[in-house]
Each structure stands twice: as structure tokens, then as C-alpha cells.
Amino acid sequence: MASYSERMMFRFSGRVGGVSFLGLLWFVSAPAGCIDQREVADIGEIYRSAARDDNPQRRPVIVIPGILGSRLAQRDTGRVVWGGFGGGYADPSTPDGARLFAMPMGEGTALADLRDDVVADGALDRVRLSVFGLPLELNAYFNLLVTLGVGGYRDQQLAIAGAVDYGEAHFTCFQFAYDWRRSNVENAALLKAFIEEKREYIRGQLRKKYGRDCDDVKFGIVAHSMGGLLTRYFLRYGDAPLPENGDLPELTWAGAQYVDKAILVGAPNAGSVSALDQLVRGARPAPIIEPYPAALVGTIPAIYELLPRGRHGALIVDNDESRVVEDLSDIGVWRQYHWGPFDSRQARPLATLLPDAADDDARRRVAIDHLGKCLTNARRFQAALDRPATPPADLELCLYAGDAIATPAVLSVNSRDGSLSTHATAAGDGTVPRYSALMDERRGGAYRPTLQSPVGWRHITFLFEDHLGLTKSATFSDNILMELLEL
């Protein structure tokens, strides 16, 4: 008889661009003669009792994807802006598609007030991409949800769609879909509202099943990639915005009243040099998808929040390690190296994005104003996360990261033309260096024998996987169920 996880996998019948997901899943996971056939734990058997334990105190789970991990659509028309890769998405090579995808810009208007009619429209279909330096394979999220299903967690979205048969599984997990273009500060506020809504739902279910109120419902969070940064801000500050006077928000640990365990997977806690590369050169998610020019990528505030820390020596000049660029959020650096709106080659895409502006100079002023706001926001966001703080005793912060793949860690900028090249690599997952996931402040400074991190990790697990493979790892599946069910 097929195992519980196998039954769930083979109930899925979604399609990506005309190719069945089952076929895609088979292609990704099918054994081949040259693949090491290692024994793995039978997690269905190991956690069978825990999965069936009818315990009202067991925590529900929220899954938070990374950048690109939510489908985006126009609110009124339902037109897909991001996520319909079979041909039904906002094509950035067309003026209409580029303007749909871009965040609005406006001189003198705060980032939080720059709104369009694009909204998150659920989790993205299963597809493999790489953009903004942060690869995405939502097959990995599906594997994560299957793992949680083995543990008895019933994902509403997959169950309603009929994609997964959970049988009589009694606990629920929720996917937090969000507009990943916007600042993580804004999305942290939305996460609070989402959690409060789901907590009331859980309370209602517990009253219905057990006939009593349960006021102390706390969630576990499993957050991938940039979702880990969003999670950390929420835990520290709840829905508090960044103060307009430039101060940091009060560190209240307001989000910890809702969460007792946060598991961050491949989170770029100290940023990724790939984010800078994509902001400077633009991005192309896949050969079948048109490129996104730097001017278009540069409208998205969240990308700047992924910039690496200058103090970690992430950018040097002319391959000279003694010439470190200390502050990547300094607009003067962008002007000096002709990046973003200071790059004359971006005049044409800016004309597409700002068709109502009087001329190129007017468009450039708007774009430079927007760049300045994004850099200032990113600098303050990073400072809020980098502040050393000990989590509350009842909050566990757990990290899963890769450290077996040479990962770009230091870029060199050519002082003559502003072009970037990889100068050095470090251990990581191919996208996020190990030191970034750890937020190891020894990077770029003197060695000390113990980890120096502002995060306050409770558990750390390293996996020999790339960024896309972390949540597909059998080691991850086994350990995450232990974390959620038995610790």
C-alpha cells in the first residue's frame, strides 16, 4: 500500500505551462543510474502517532514563501501580473506589462502611499525560476506542504483545490500570500492581521471540537528565503512601521505573543550580492520569460532590503580587497557607478514606466527620488533587524541553511564603467552564503571562537543542498517534523 505522503503526491493534478506537475515532479525526483540511492527515514511511520495525536495544545502552522512566492493579479480584472507562466502574465517587454509589474513612483510621496491595483492572489503555481538573485521552485513549497501533511497539518488551499487528500487530518496550516514587491515592513503588518484572523478560526474550531475556549493559541512559522526577513521583523516589532523621524521602532517583540517557534529556511539575513547584481543589470527569470530591465527591478522596495551589508565586505573596487564600499544604501555610490536611474541605458525603460513625464530629465528625477526612498527604507529596515536582541524565553528561532556550495559572496565593481563581477565565493546554498543565513557579524572582521549574531538562534541545522533543494531534503523533512511535533 502506498504511504500517506505518496497518496498525497499522486492526488496532485495541477499543470504548469501545459506540462503536468506529476510529470515534472517525476522528472525532478526519479532515480537515475548515476544518483546515489541513499536510505531515508520513513517519516510517515516515525511521526504517525504524533500526527494522529488529538491534542488541542498542538500549534497550527503558517507557511511564508520568499520573494516571487505569491501570485499577483489586478484586483478588479483578475489579470495575472506574476505567476501565469504559460503565457498569461504581465510581459515586461510590453509597455502595459511593464507598468503592471512595476511599483508606482511619485516624487514626494512616501513608499507606503504609492499604491496600485495589484494584489496577492494566493500561492504561485509550481514552477522553477531564478530572479533577483533568489531562486524559486514552488515544487519545493509543495514538498514542504506534503511534509507538513505527513505530520497531520491540513493545508486549506491544497485541500479545497482537491490537490491533496489529507484523510481525517485535524490540524491546519495556512499559506500567507503577500505582495512581495512591497517592503517587508508593510507585509509584517499584513501578517499580523492574517494571524489574528486565523487565530480566531482556530479558536472557533477548538470550541466546536472540545467545547471550550482556548485563548493562548500560538503558531509555528515556517518561512523560506525573504519570508524569513518578514518573519523576523514581525516577531520583533509586530505591525509597527519604521518611524518617519529616522529612529528605529521600539523593540517590543509584539509578534511573539502569536508565535512560539519560527523556522527560517535559507533566509538571507545579511543579504545577498545577487540582489545588487540584479538591481544593476536587470533580471531574466528563465529563457522563456522576457528580461526585466534594471529600471523595472529598481521600482521594487523589497529588493533593496535584500542588499548585502557593506561592513561584511560584500563589494570592493577593482578587485582590491582594501577598497571596500562601506554603504550600499548611499545614493552617492549609485551615482558614482552609474547604477539604476543614473545609467543612461535605462532612459528607454523609464520612458515606458513613466509615459506622462515631460521628458527624460523629468523621468530621471522621479526615478532618482524613488531610488533614494528605497535605499533609505532598506537601510532602516536592515538596522531594525541587525539590532542585537535576545528573544523571549518562550520563542524559539530555528535556522535551516545550506553550506556545501560555493556561493557568490564578494562582488567587484569596475571603477571605470560600474560593471560588476564575482570576486570571491563562500560556503552557502548557491544563493545565500552561510554567514548571511547565520547573520554572522564576524564576517569582514576579526575571528572569534563563538558565533556573533544579533538573531539569538535556538537551533541551527546545516544541509548539503542548494537554495531550491533545502525544503526537499529528507533531512529537513525529518527534523522539521521533530521541531513542530515533539519539541
Protein backbone atom coordinates (compact mmCIF):
# COMPACT_ATOMS: atom_id res chain seq x y z
CA MET A 1 0.00 0.00 0.00
CA ALA A 2 1.27 3.48 -0.82
CA SER A 3 2.42 5.61 2.09
CA TYR A 4 0.43 8.62 3.27
CA SER A 5 2.90 11.03 1.65
CA GLU A 6 2.81 9.06 -1.62
CA ARG A 7 -1.00 9.16 -1.68
CA MET A 8 -0.88 12.93 -1.23
CA MET A 9 1.67 13.40 -4.00
CA PHE A 10 -0.24 11.37 -6.55
CA ARG A 11 -3.51 13.16 -5.87
CA PHE A 12 -1.97 16.38 -7.19
CA SER A 13 -3.00 17.07 -10.77
CA GLY A 14 -2.00 20.70 -11.39
CA ARG A 15 -0.32 21.74 -14.61
CA VAL A 16 2.43 24.25 -15.36
CA GLY A 17 2.53 25.69 -18.84
CA GLY A 18 0.86 22.60 -20.35
CA VAL A 19 3.14 20.13 -18.53
CA SER A 20 1.56 18.08 -15.76
CA PHE A 21 3.07 18.69 -12.37
CA LEU A 22 3.17 14.94 -11.76
CA GLY A 23 5.39 14.62 -14.80
CA LEU A 24 7.54 17.49 -13.60
CA LEU A 25 7.71 16.01 -10.11
CA TRP A 26 8.72 12.64 -11.55
CA PHE A 27 11.43 14.26 -13.67
CA VAL A 28 12.85 16.08 -10.65
CA SER A 29 12.74 13.12 -8.29
CA ALA A 30 13.02 10.00 -10.48
CA PRO A 31 16.04 7.80 -9.74
CA ALA A 32 18.82 7.53 -12.29
CA GLY A 33 21.76 5.19 -12.58
CA CYS A 34 24.27 7.82 -11.55
CA ILE A 35 22.29 9.02 -8.49
CA ASP A 36 23.32 7.82 -5.05
CA GLN A 37 20.40 5.77 -3.75
CA ARG A 38 20.61 6.58 -0.04
CA GLU A 39 18.27 5.23 2.60
CA VAL A 40 16.00 7.85 4.15
CA ALA A 41 13.82 7.84 7.23
CA ASP A 42 10.22 6.70 6.92
CA ILE A 43 8.81 9.87 8.43
CA GLY A 44 5.25 8.68 7.91
CA GLU A 45 5.91 5.80 10.27
CA ILE A 46 8.11 7.75 12.69
CA TYR A 47 5.59 10.55 13.21
CA ARG A 48 2.41 8.50 12.77
CA SER A 49 1.42 8.75 16.43
CA ALA A 50 2.29 12.43 16.68
CA ALA A 51 0.34 13.19 13.51
CA ARG A 52 -2.75 11.47 14.88
CA ASP A 53 -2.46 12.91 18.38
CA ASP A 54 -5.74 14.73 19.01
CA ASN A 55 -4.18 17.44 21.18
CA PRO A 56 -5.81 20.87 21.42
CA GLN A 57 -2.48 22.40 22.51
CA ARG A 58 -0.70 21.48 19.30
CA ARG A 59 0.39 24.54 17.36
CA PRO A 60 -1.03 25.34 13.91
CA VAL A 61 1.50 26.37 11.27
CA ILE A 62 1.84 29.29 8.86
CA VAL A 63 3.98 28.87 5.74
CA ILE A 64 5.53 32.08 4.40
CA PRO A 65 7.13 31.91 0.92
CA GLY A 66 10.02 34.03 -0.23
CA ILE A 67 10.25 36.71 -2.88
CA LEU A 68 8.24 35.80 -6.01
CA GLY A 69 6.40 33.15 -4.00
CA SER A 70 2.89 34.61 -4.28
CA ARG A 71 0.79 35.01 -7.38
CA LEU A 72 -0.01 38.66 -8.19
CA ALA A 73 -3.08 39.86 -10.08
CA GLN A 74 -5.06 43.02 -10.78
CA ARG A 75 -7.69 43.46 -8.11
CA ASP A 76 -10.62 44.34 -10.39
CA THR A 77 -9.90 42.40 -13.57
CA GLY A 78 -8.11 39.36 -12.15
CA ARG A 79 -5.43 39.69 -14.80
CA VAL A 80 -2.28 37.83 -13.77
CA VAL A 81 0.70 40.11 -13.17
CA TRP A 82 3.07 37.43 -11.88
CA GLY A 83 2.62 33.69 -11.90
CA GLY A 84 0.92 32.76 -15.17
CA PHE A 85 3.99 31.46 -16.99
CA GLY A 86 2.07 29.54 -19.61
CA GLY A 87 1.66 32.86 -21.41
CA GLY A 88 -0.83 34.62 -19.16
CA TYR A 89 1.38 37.01 -17.24
CA ALA A 90 2.36 40.67 -17.47
CA ASP A 91 5.04 40.57 -20.17
CA PRO A 92 7.77 43.07 -19.17
CA SER A 93 8.74 43.59 -22.81
CA THR A 94 5.40 45.32 -23.46
CA PRO A 95 4.57 48.77 -22.08
CA ASP A 96 1.36 47.52 -20.48
CA GLY A 97 3.04 44.52 -18.87
CA ALA A 98 5.99 46.53 -17.58
CA ARG A 99 3.73 49.14 -15.99
CA LEU A 100 1.58 46.45 -14.39
CA PHE A 101 4.58 44.73 -12.81
CA ALA A 102 6.39 47.86 -11.66
CA MET A 103 5.68 49.57 -8.38
CA PRO A 104 4.33 53.11 -8.87
CA MET A 105 6.72 56.03 -8.45
CA GLY A 106 5.95 59.61 -7.47
CA GLU A 107 8.10 62.47 -6.24
CA GLY A 108 7.43 63.49 -2.67
CA THR A 109 5.15 60.53 -1.94
CA ALA A 110 6.11 58.01 0.74
CA LEU A 111 6.69 54.42 -0.38
CA ALA A 112 3.78 53.17 1.72
CA ASP A 113 1.45 55.61 -0.07
CA LEU A 114 2.47 54.57 -3.58
CA ARG A 115 -0.34 52.16 -4.43
CA ASP A 116 -1.58 50.32 -7.48
CA ASP A 117 -4.39 47.83 -8.08
CA VAL A 118 -2.16 44.73 -7.89
CA VAL A 119 -2.79 42.32 -5.02
CA ALA A 120 -1.55 38.93 -3.85
CA ASP A 121 -3.76 36.21 -5.28
CA GLY A 122 -2.73 33.06 -3.47
CA ALA A 123 0.32 30.85 -3.68
CA LEU A 124 2.10 30.65 -7.00
CA ASP A 125 1.74 27.62 -9.27
CA ARG A 126 4.56 25.09 -9.20
CA VAL A 127 7.38 26.41 -11.35
CA ARG A 128 11.17 26.72 -11.26
CA LEU A 129 12.65 30.20 -11.73
CA SER A 130 15.61 32.35 -10.71
CA VAL A 131 15.31 36.10 -10.44
CA PHE A 132 16.53 38.91 -8.23
CA GLY A 133 19.29 36.53 -7.22
CA LEU A 134 16.87 34.38 -5.21
CA PRO A 135 15.88 31.16 -7.00
CA LEU A 136 12.36 29.92 -6.62
CA GLU A 137 10.95 26.46 -7.12
CA LEU A 138 7.46 26.14 -5.77
CA ASN A 139 7.72 22.42 -6.16
CA ALA A 140 9.85 22.92 -3.04
CA TYR A 141 6.89 24.54 -1.27
CA PHE A 142 4.68 21.67 -2.36
CA ASN A 143 7.16 19.25 -0.85
CA LEU A 144 7.11 21.29 2.34
CA LEU A 145 3.32 21.11 2.47
CA VAL A 146 3.45 17.36 1.85
CA THR A 147 5.87 17.03 4.76
CA LEU A 148 3.54 19.02 6.98
CA GLY A 149 0.68 16.83 5.79
CA VAL A 150 2.57 13.76 6.96
CA GLY A 151 2.65 15.47 10.35
CA GLY A 152 -1.11 15.92 10.36
CA TYR A 153 -1.23 19.54 9.20
CA ARG A 154 -4.05 20.19 6.77
CA ASP A 155 -3.29 22.97 4.27
CA GLN A 156 -6.54 24.71 3.39
CA GLN A 157 -5.55 25.79 -0.09
CA LEU A 158 -4.47 22.35 -1.29
CA ALA A 159 -7.41 20.62 0.39
CA ILE A 160 -10.01 22.97 -1.10
CA ALA A 161 -8.45 22.55 -4.55
CA GLY A 162 -8.59 18.77 -4.16
CA ALA A 163 -4.83 18.59 -4.73
CA VAL A 164 -4.09 16.67 -1.55
CA ASP A 165 -6.14 14.10 0.30
CA TYR A 166 -5.43 14.56 4.00
CA GLY A 167 -7.92 11.96 5.12
CA GLU A 168 -9.04 12.75 8.67
CA ALA A 169 -6.12 15.08 9.45
CA HIS A 170 -7.35 17.52 12.03
CA PHE A 171 -4.93 20.41 12.22
CA THR A 172 -4.50 23.20 9.78
CA CYS A 173 -1.63 25.07 8.20
CA PHE A 174 -2.03 28.28 6.26
CA GLN A 175 -0.08 29.85 3.41
CA PHE A 176 0.50 33.57 3.82
CA ALA A 177 0.35 35.09 0.33
CA TYR A 178 1.62 38.66 0.07
CA ASP A 179 2.71 41.26 -2.46
CA TRP A 180 6.43 40.59 -2.29
CA ARG A 181 7.22 43.77 -4.23
CA ARG A 182 6.35 45.93 -1.24
CA SER A 183 8.52 46.50 1.81
CA ASN A 184 8.67 43.68 4.35
CA VAL A 185 7.65 46.26 6.95
CA GLU A 186 4.27 46.69 5.26
CA ASN A 187 3.86 42.95 4.84
CA ALA A 188 4.65 42.37 8.51
CA ALA A 189 1.57 44.44 9.34
CA LEU A 190 -0.50 42.30 6.97
CA LEU A 191 0.93 39.17 8.56
CA LYS A 192 -0.32 40.33 11.96
CA ALA A 193 -3.84 40.78 10.60
CA PHE A 194 -3.62 37.39 8.87
CA ILE A 195 -2.52 35.66 12.07
CA GLU A 196 -5.26 37.30 14.11
CA GLU A 197 -7.85 36.12 11.59
CA LYS A 198 -6.51 32.56 11.58
CA ARG A 199 -6.25 32.52 15.37
CA GLU A 200 -9.95 33.28 15.64
CA TYR A 201 -10.62 30.49 13.14
CA ILE A 202 -8.56 28.05 15.21
CA ARG A 203 -10.31 29.15 18.40
CA GLY A 204 -13.66 28.51 16.75
CA GLN A 205 -12.58 25.05 15.66
CA LEU A 206 -11.35 24.23 19.15
CA ARG A 207 -14.62 25.42 20.71
CA LYS A 208 -16.55 23.33 18.23
CA LYS A 209 -14.45 20.22 18.82
CA TYR A 210 -13.64 20.45 22.52
CA GLY A 211 -16.39 22.71 23.84
CA ARG A 212 -14.06 25.18 25.50
CA ASP A 213 -12.24 28.41 24.74
CA CYS A 214 -8.51 28.46 24.14
CA ASP A 215 -7.10 31.97 24.44
CA ASP A 216 -3.40 31.11 24.23
CA VAL A 217 -3.25 29.75 20.66
CA LYS A 218 0.27 30.19 19.31
CA PHE A 219 1.51 29.42 15.82
CA GLY A 220 4.62 27.93 14.35
CA ILE A 221 6.00 29.73 11.30
CA VAL A 222 7.98 28.08 8.52
CA ALA A 223 9.44 30.84 6.34
CA HIS A 224 11.56 30.41 3.24
CA SER A 225 14.15 32.87 1.92
CA MET A 226 12.93 36.50 2.13
CA GLY A 227 9.93 35.27 4.11
CA GLY A 228 12.40 34.82 6.96
CA LEU A 229 13.18 38.55 7.00
CA LEU A 230 9.49 39.40 7.03
CA THR A 231 9.03 36.96 9.92
CA ARG A 232 11.89 38.39 11.95
CA TYR A 233 10.58 41.95 11.60
CA PHE A 234 7.08 40.85 12.61
CA LEU A 235 8.35 38.97 15.66
CA ARG A 236 10.38 41.95 16.86
CA TYR A 237 8.02 44.80 16.03
CA GLY A 238 4.60 43.40 15.17
CA ASP A 239 2.83 45.80 12.81
CA ALA A 240 4.87 48.86 13.83
CA PRO A 241 6.09 50.96 10.88
CA LEU A 242 9.55 52.47 10.61
CA PRO A 243 9.29 55.88 12.37
CA GLU A 244 9.29 58.84 9.99
CA ASN A 245 11.95 60.66 12.03
CA GLY A 246 14.53 58.01 11.19
CA ASP A 247 14.58 56.35 14.60
CA LEU A 248 14.24 52.61 14.94
CA PRO A 249 10.88 51.26 16.12
CA GLU A 250 10.58 50.23 19.75
CA LEU A 251 11.71 46.63 20.16
CA THR A 252 8.63 45.11 21.80
CA TRP A 253 8.65 41.52 20.49
CA ALA A 254 4.98 42.19 19.75
CA GLY A 255 4.76 39.34 17.25
CA ALA A 256 5.97 36.81 19.80
CA GLN A 257 2.58 36.85 21.52
CA TYR A 258 1.28 34.94 18.48
CA VAL A 259 4.26 32.67 17.71
CA ASP A 260 6.32 30.28 19.83
CA LYS A 261 8.52 28.75 17.11
CA ALA A 262 9.83 30.28 13.90
CA ILE A 263 11.74 28.08 11.45
CA LEU A 264 13.67 30.09 8.85
CA VAL A 265 14.88 28.22 5.78
CA GLY A 266 17.62 29.72 3.60
CA ALA A 267 16.91 33.22 4.87
CA PRO A 268 19.32 35.90 3.55
CA ASN A 269 19.62 37.55 6.96
CA ALA A 270 22.72 39.50 5.91
CA GLY A 271 21.54 39.93 2.33
CA SER A 272 22.72 38.52 -0.99
CA VAL A 273 25.13 40.02 -3.51
CA SER A 274 22.83 38.66 -6.19
CA ALA A 275 20.23 41.26 -5.22
CA LEU A 276 22.72 44.04 -6.02
CA ASP A 277 23.64 42.37 -9.29
CA GLN A 278 20.00 42.18 -10.38
CA LEU A 279 19.34 45.80 -9.39
CA VAL A 280 22.29 46.91 -11.50
CA ARG A 281 21.93 44.61 -14.52
CA GLY A 282 18.28 43.61 -14.52
CA ALA A 283 16.96 40.07 -14.37
CA ARG A 284 15.74 37.26 -16.58
CA PRO A 285 13.81 34.62 -14.65
CA ALA A 286 14.06 31.94 -17.33
CA PRO A 287 14.85 31.64 -21.06
CA ILE A 288 11.14 31.50 -21.93
CA ILE A 289 10.42 34.72 -19.99
CA GLU A 290 11.36 38.17 -21.23
CA PRO A 291 14.04 40.05 -19.26
CA TYR A 292 13.15 42.59 -16.60
CA PRO A 293 15.33 45.70 -17.12
CA ALA A 294 17.12 47.28 -14.18
CA ALA A 295 14.75 50.26 -14.22
CA LEU A 296 11.81 47.89 -13.68
CA VAL A 297 13.52 45.80 -10.99
CA GLY A 298 14.56 49.02 -9.28
CA THR A 299 10.97 50.09 -8.58
CA ILE A 300 10.52 47.26 -6.03
CA PRO A 301 11.35 48.29 -2.43
CA ALA A 302 11.74 44.72 -1.14
CA ILE A 303 14.72 44.05 -3.44
CA TYR A 304 16.76 46.74 -1.72
CA GLU A 305 16.04 45.13 1.65
CA LEU A 306 18.00 42.10 0.36
CA LEU A 307 21.19 44.08 -0.28
CA PRO A 308 24.28 42.71 1.47
CA ARG A 309 25.87 44.63 4.34
CA GLY A 310 28.79 46.80 3.34
CA ARG A 311 30.54 46.08 6.65
CA HIS A 312 30.82 42.45 5.62
CA GLY A 313 32.99 43.40 2.65
CA ALA A 314 30.43 42.39 0.05
CA LEU A 315 31.56 44.95 -2.55
CA ILE A 316 35.11 46.01 -3.37
CA VAL A 317 36.55 48.26 -6.09
CA ASP A 318 38.68 46.95 -8.96
CA ASN A 319 39.31 43.62 -7.18
CA ASP A 320 41.23 45.46 -4.47
CA GLU A 321 40.20 44.00 -1.12
CA SER A 322 41.48 47.08 0.69
CA ARG A 323 38.90 49.25 -1.14
CA VAL A 324 35.59 48.19 0.43
CA VAL A 325 32.36 50.00 -0.41
CA GLU A 326 31.03 50.51 3.11
CA ASP A 327 27.42 51.59 2.49
CA LEU A 328 25.39 50.18 -0.39
CA SER A 329 22.39 52.28 0.71
CA ASP A 330 24.30 55.51 -0.04
CA ILE A 331 22.77 57.04 -3.16
CA GLY A 332 26.13 58.64 -3.85
CA VAL A 333 27.55 55.17 -4.56
CA TRP A 334 24.83 54.58 -7.12
CA ARG A 335 25.54 57.95 -8.73
CA GLN A 336 29.29 57.31 -8.77
CA TYR A 337 28.98 53.99 -10.59
CA HIS A 338 26.06 54.99 -12.81
CA TRP A 339 23.65 52.40 -11.46
CA GLY A 340 19.86 52.46 -11.58
CA PRO A 341 18.43 55.75 -12.90
CA PHE A 342 21.98 57.13 -13.22
CA ASP A 343 22.56 54.62 -16.05
CA SER A 344 21.77 56.32 -19.37
CA ARG A 345 20.74 52.94 -20.81
CA GLN A 346 17.70 52.98 -18.53
CA ALA A 347 16.20 56.03 -20.26
CA ARG A 348 14.12 53.88 -22.60
CA PRO A 349 12.54 51.59 -19.95
CA LEU A 350 11.92 54.66 -17.77
CA ALA A 351 10.05 56.22 -20.68
CA THR A 352 7.85 53.12 -20.69
CA LEU A 353 7.25 53.24 -16.94
CA LEU A 354 6.62 57.00 -16.76
CA PRO A 355 4.87 57.89 -20.05
CA ASP A 356 3.24 61.03 -18.61
CA ALA A 357 6.50 62.71 -17.60
CA ALA A 358 7.54 65.69 -19.71
CA ASP A 359 10.93 64.39 -20.84
CA ASP A 360 13.88 62.17 -19.94
CA ASP A 361 15.12 64.59 -17.30
CA ALA A 362 11.74 64.62 -15.57
CA ARG A 363 11.56 60.83 -15.61
CA ARG A 364 15.09 60.59 -14.26
CA ARG A 365 14.22 62.92 -11.35
CA VAL A 366 11.24 60.75 -10.42
CA ALA A 367 13.32 57.58 -10.60
CA ILE A 368 16.17 59.07 -8.53
CA ASP A 369 13.65 60.20 -5.91
CA HIS A 370 12.25 56.66 -5.81
CA LEU A 371 15.73 55.15 -5.53
CA GLY A 372 16.53 57.42 -2.60
CA LYS A 373 13.36 56.36 -0.76
CA CYS A 374 14.02 52.67 -1.39
CA LEU A 375 17.62 52.92 -0.17
CA THR A 376 16.63 54.85 2.96
CA ASN A 377 13.87 52.36 3.74
CA ALA A 378 16.24 49.42 3.22
CA ARG A 379 18.92 50.93 5.46
CA ARG A 380 16.44 51.44 8.30
CA PHE A 381 14.84 48.02 7.80
CA GLN A 382 18.21 46.33 7.98
CA ALA A 383 19.20 48.34 11.06
CA ALA A 384 15.96 47.20 12.76
CA LEU A 385 16.84 43.56 12.06
CA ASP A 386 20.54 43.91 12.86
CA ARG A 387 19.92 45.28 16.36
CA PRO A 388 21.14 42.63 18.83
CA ALA A 389 18.24 41.32 20.90
CA THR A 390 17.50 38.23 22.95
CA PRO A 391 14.16 36.63 22.00
CA PRO A 392 11.59 35.99 24.74
CA ALA A 393 12.16 32.72 26.59
CA ASP A 394 9.09 31.09 25.02
CA LEU A 395 10.07 31.95 21.42
CA GLU A 396 12.38 29.60 19.54
CA LEU A 397 14.20 30.83 16.44
CA CYS A 398 15.44 27.92 14.31
CA LEU A 399 17.56 28.07 11.17
CA TYR A 400 17.99 25.63 8.28
CA ALA A 401 20.69 26.68 5.83
CA GLY A 402 22.98 25.25 3.18
CA ASP A 403 26.77 25.33 3.47
CA ALA A 404 28.09 22.89 0.86
CA ILE A 405 28.02 25.02 -2.31
CA ALA A 406 30.38 27.80 -3.39
CA THR A 407 28.16 30.90 -3.28
CA PRO A 408 28.89 34.42 -4.60
CA ALA A 409 29.87 36.47 -1.55
CA VAL A 410 32.02 39.38 -2.78
CA LEU A 411 31.47 41.42 -5.93
CA SER A 412 33.96 43.78 -7.53
CA VAL A 413 32.85 46.99 -9.21
CA ASN A 414 34.85 48.32 -12.15
CA SER A 415 35.64 51.94 -11.28
CA ARG A 416 35.59 52.94 -14.96
CA ASP A 417 32.23 51.63 -16.10
CA GLY A 418 30.42 50.45 -12.94
CA SER A 419 30.16 46.83 -14.12
CA LEU A 420 30.09 44.05 -11.55
CA SER A 421 31.91 40.74 -11.41
CA THR A 422 32.22 38.00 -8.82
CA HIS A 423 35.44 38.36 -6.82
CA ALA A 424 35.03 35.63 -4.20
CA THR A 425 32.70 32.89 -3.07
CA ALA A 426 31.88 31.43 0.33
CA ALA A 427 30.17 28.32 1.65
CA GLY A 428 26.41 28.52 1.22
CA ASP A 429 23.45 27.20 -0.75
CA GLY A 430 24.43 28.72 -4.10
CA THR A 431 22.41 31.86 -3.41
CA VAL A 432 22.64 32.69 0.28
CA PRO A 433 26.08 32.38 1.91
CA ARG A 434 26.29 30.51 5.19
CA TYR A 435 27.40 33.64 7.03
CA SER A 436 24.39 35.55 5.71
CA ALA A 437 21.90 32.92 6.86
CA LEU A 438 23.55 32.97 10.30
CA MET A 439 23.88 36.77 10.26
CA ASP A 440 27.43 36.16 11.43
CA GLU A 441 28.95 39.53 12.34
CA ARG A 442 32.46 38.05 12.35
CA ARG A 443 32.33 38.34 8.56
CA GLY A 444 34.61 41.16 7.49
CA GLY A 445 36.11 41.45 10.97
CA ALA A 446 38.28 39.63 13.44
CA TYR A 447 37.60 35.95 14.09
CA ARG A 448 36.07 34.98 17.42
CA PRO A 449 35.54 31.37 18.52
CA THR A 450 31.78 31.67 19.05
CA LEU A 451 29.07 32.84 16.68
CA GLN A 452 28.42 36.59 16.84
CA SER A 453 24.84 37.09 15.64
CA PRO A 454 22.10 39.54 16.62
CA VAL A 455 19.42 36.94 15.95
CA GLY A 456 19.51 34.68 19.02
CA TRP A 457 19.21 31.28 17.33
CA ARG A 458 17.90 28.38 19.42
CA HIS A 459 18.63 25.63 16.86
CA ILE A 460 20.77 25.64 13.70
CA THR A 461 20.82 22.83 11.11
CA PHE A 462 23.03 22.78 8.01
CA LEU A 463 22.01 20.88 4.90
CA PHE A 464 24.10 19.83 1.91
CA GLU A 465 21.56 21.28 -0.53
CA ASP A 466 21.17 24.29 -2.79
CA HIS A 467 18.68 27.09 -2.16
CA LEU A 468 15.99 25.29 -4.14
CA GLY A 469 16.62 21.94 -2.53
CA LEU A 470 16.53 22.86 1.15
CA THR A 471 12.85 22.07 1.72
CA LYS A 472 13.06 18.94 -0.46
CA SER A 473 15.79 17.44 1.69
CA ALA A 474 14.86 14.27 3.57
CA THR A 475 16.94 15.56 6.48
CA PHE A 476 14.89 18.76 6.51
CA SER A 477 11.60 16.85 6.42
CA ASP A 478 12.59 14.62 9.32
CA ASN A 479 13.93 17.42 11.50
CA ILE A 480 11.17 19.95 10.85
CA LEU A 481 8.53 17.44 11.98
CA MET A 482 10.56 16.82 15.10
CA GLU A 483 10.72 20.59 15.69
CA LEU A 484 6.98 21.10 15.23
CA LEU A 485 5.56 17.95 16.78
CA GLU A 486 7.85 16.78 19.54
CA LEU A 487 9.94 19.73 20.77
